Amino acid sequence: MIKSLKAGKGNLNDASVKKWSQTIGKIKATYPRLKIVVPGHGAVGGVDLLEYTIDMFAR
């Protein structure tokens, strides 16, 4: 669900794309002190990965 920096959207056949950004926003709200984020693929990062994913699916 969380994308690594510079990742594409990937296979979206079974995805609810319209709600993706909202779901990531809920994660941020639930865990406001979150510091480490592990994406589905790629390098571990910080909350910047959440922002990257929100921006990607907000378009």
N, C-alpha and C. Protein backbone atom coordinates (compact mmCIF):
# COMPACT_ATOMS: atom_id res chain seq x y z
N MET A 1 0.82 -1.18 0.00
CA MET A 1 0.00 0.00 0.00
C MET A 1 0.87 1.25 0.00
N ILE A 2 1.93 1.26 0.77
CA ILE A 2 2.83 2.42 0.82
C ILE A 2 3.87 2.25 -0.28
N LYS A 3 4.07 3.28 -1.05
CA LYS A 3 5.01 3.24 -2.16
C LYS A 3 6.36 3.81 -1.76
N SER A 4 7.43 3.23 -2.30
CA SER A 4 8.76 3.77 -2.08
C SER A 4 8.96 4.97 -3.02
N LEU A 5 9.90 5.83 -2.69
CA LEU A 5 10.15 7.00 -3.52
C LEU A 5 10.50 6.58 -4.93
N LYS A 6 9.97 7.28 -5.89
CA LYS A 6 10.16 7.05 -7.33
C LYS A 6 9.46 5.79 -7.84
N ALA A 7 8.66 5.14 -7.01
CA ALA A 7 7.91 3.96 -7.46
C ALA A 7 6.71 4.39 -8.29
N GLY A 8 6.26 3.50 -9.13
CA GLY A 8 5.03 3.73 -9.88
C GLY A 8 3.85 3.19 -9.11
N LYS A 9 2.68 3.29 -9.71
CA LYS A 9 1.47 2.81 -9.03
C LYS A 9 1.36 1.29 -9.00
N GLY A 10 1.94 0.62 -9.96
CA GLY A 10 1.89 -0.84 -9.98
C GLY A 10 0.56 -1.36 -10.47
N ASN A 11 0.26 -2.62 -10.19
CA ASN A 11 -0.96 -3.27 -10.62
C ASN A 11 -2.13 -2.79 -9.77
N LEU A 12 -3.12 -2.21 -10.40
CA LEU A 12 -4.27 -1.65 -9.68
C LEU A 12 -5.58 -2.38 -9.99
N ASN A 13 -5.48 -3.59 -10.51
CA ASN A 13 -6.68 -4.32 -10.92
C ASN A 13 -7.72 -4.47 -9.81
N ASP A 14 -7.29 -4.71 -8.59
CA ASP A 14 -8.23 -4.92 -7.48
C ASP A 14 -8.21 -3.77 -6.48
N ALA A 15 -7.66 -2.64 -6.87
CA ALA A 15 -7.48 -1.53 -5.93
C ALA A 15 -8.66 -0.57 -5.91
N SER A 16 -8.86 0.07 -4.77
CA SER A 16 -9.81 1.18 -4.63
C SER A 16 -9.00 2.47 -4.70
N VAL A 17 -8.63 2.85 -5.90
CA VAL A 17 -7.71 3.96 -6.11
C VAL A 17 -8.26 5.27 -5.54
N LYS A 18 -9.55 5.48 -5.65
CA LYS A 18 -10.14 6.74 -5.19
C LYS A 18 -9.97 6.95 -3.68
N LYS A 19 -9.85 5.89 -2.92
CA LYS A 19 -9.74 6.00 -1.47
C LYS A 19 -8.32 5.82 -0.95
N TRP A 20 -7.37 5.58 -1.84
CA TRP A 20 -6.00 5.27 -1.44
C TRP A 20 -5.41 6.40 -0.61
N SER A 21 -5.48 7.63 -1.09
CA SER A 21 -4.91 8.77 -0.36
C SER A 21 -5.59 8.98 0.98
N GLN A 22 -6.89 8.78 1.03
CA GLN A 22 -7.63 8.93 2.29
C GLN A 22 -7.15 7.91 3.31
N THR A 23 -6.91 6.70 2.85
CA THR A 23 -6.46 5.64 3.76
C THR A 23 -5.09 5.96 4.34
N ILE A 24 -4.20 6.47 3.51
CA ILE A 24 -2.87 6.85 4.00
C ILE A 24 -3.00 8.02 4.98
N GLY A 25 -3.90 8.93 4.71
CA GLY A 25 -4.16 10.04 5.64
C GLY A 25 -4.63 9.54 7.00
N LYS A 26 -5.43 8.48 7.01
CA LYS A 26 -5.90 7.89 8.27
C LYS A 26 -4.73 7.28 9.05
N ILE A 27 -3.80 6.67 8.32
CA ILE A 27 -2.61 6.12 8.99
C ILE A 27 -1.83 7.26 9.66
N LYS A 28 -1.64 8.36 8.94
CA LYS A 28 -0.92 9.51 9.51
C LYS A 28 -1.63 10.05 10.74
N ALA A 29 -2.95 10.12 10.69
CA ALA A 29 -3.72 10.66 11.82
C ALA A 29 -3.68 9.71 13.02
N THR A 30 -3.71 8.42 12.77
CA THR A 30 -3.71 7.42 13.83
C THR A 30 -2.35 7.32 14.52
N TYR A 31 -1.29 7.52 13.74
CA TYR A 31 0.08 7.39 14.26
C TYR A 31 0.86 8.68 14.00
N PRO A 32 0.53 9.77 14.69
CA PRO A 32 1.14 11.07 14.40
C PRO A 32 2.64 11.15 14.69
N ARG A 33 3.14 10.26 15.52
CA ARG A 33 4.59 10.28 15.84
C ARG A 33 5.37 9.24 15.04
N LEU A 34 4.77 8.73 14.01
CA LEU A 34 5.40 7.73 13.16
C LEU A 34 6.72 8.27 12.59
N LYS A 35 7.76 7.47 12.65
CA LYS A 35 9.06 7.89 12.15
C LYS A 35 9.60 6.96 11.08
N ILE A 36 9.29 5.67 11.16
CA ILE A 36 9.81 4.69 10.22
C ILE A 36 8.64 4.08 9.44
N VAL A 37 8.79 4.07 8.12
CA VAL A 37 7.76 3.52 7.24
C VAL A 37 8.41 2.46 6.35
N VAL A 38 7.79 1.30 6.28
CA VAL A 38 8.30 0.21 5.45
C VAL A 38 7.33 0.04 4.28
N PRO A 39 7.77 0.38 3.07
CA PRO A 39 6.89 0.24 1.90
C PRO A 39 6.77 -1.22 1.48
N GLY A 40 5.86 -1.50 0.58
CA GLY A 40 5.69 -2.85 0.08
C GLY A 40 6.92 -3.36 -0.65
N HIS A 41 7.61 -2.48 -1.34
CA HIS A 41 8.85 -2.78 -2.05
C HIS A 41 9.76 -1.58 -1.88
N GLY A 42 11.05 -1.78 -1.89
CA GLY A 42 11.99 -0.66 -1.83
C GLY A 42 12.51 -0.40 -0.44
N ALA A 43 13.22 0.71 -0.33
CA ALA A 43 13.92 1.06 0.90
C ALA A 43 12.99 1.57 1.99
N VAL A 44 13.33 1.25 3.21
CA VAL A 44 12.64 1.80 4.39
C VAL A 44 12.87 3.30 4.39
N GLY A 45 11.87 4.05 4.84
CA GLY A 45 12.00 5.51 4.88
C GLY A 45 11.22 6.09 6.04
N GLY A 46 10.92 7.37 5.90
CA GLY A 46 10.17 8.09 6.92
C GLY A 46 8.79 8.45 6.42
N VAL A 47 8.19 9.43 7.08
CA VAL A 47 6.84 9.85 6.71
C VAL A 47 6.79 10.42 5.30
N ASP A 48 7.94 10.75 4.72
CA ASP A 48 7.96 11.22 3.34
C ASP A 48 7.37 10.18 2.39
N LEU A 49 7.46 8.91 2.75
CA LEU A 49 6.85 7.87 1.92
C LEU A 49 5.33 7.95 1.96
N LEU A 50 4.78 8.33 3.10
CA LEU A 50 3.33 8.52 3.20
C LEU A 50 2.90 9.68 2.32
N GLU A 51 3.63 10.78 2.40
CA GLU A 51 3.32 11.96 1.60
C GLU A 51 3.44 11.65 0.11
N TYR A 52 4.48 10.93 -0.26
CA TYR A 52 4.68 10.54 -1.67
C TYR A 52 3.50 9.72 -2.16
N THR A 53 3.06 8.77 -1.35
CA THR A 53 1.94 7.91 -1.74
C THR A 53 0.64 8.70 -1.82
N ILE A 54 0.41 9.58 -0.86
CA ILE A 54 -0.80 10.42 -0.90
C ILE A 54 -0.82 11.25 -2.18
N ASP A 55 0.29 11.90 -2.49
CA ASP A 55 0.37 12.74 -3.69
C ASP A 55 0.15 11.92 -4.96
N MET A 56 0.74 10.73 -4.99
CA MET A 56 0.63 9.88 -6.18
C MET A 56 -0.81 9.54 -6.50
N PHE A 57 -1.60 9.23 -5.49
CA PHE A 57 -2.97 8.79 -5.72
C PHE A 57 -3.99 9.93 -5.64
N ALA A 58 -3.55 11.11 -5.29
CA ALA A 58 -4.46 12.27 -5.27
C ALA A 58 -4.69 12.80 -6.68
N ARG A 59 -3.83 12.44 -7.61
CA ARG A 59 -3.94 12.92 -9.00
C ARG A 59 -4.93 12.13 -9.78
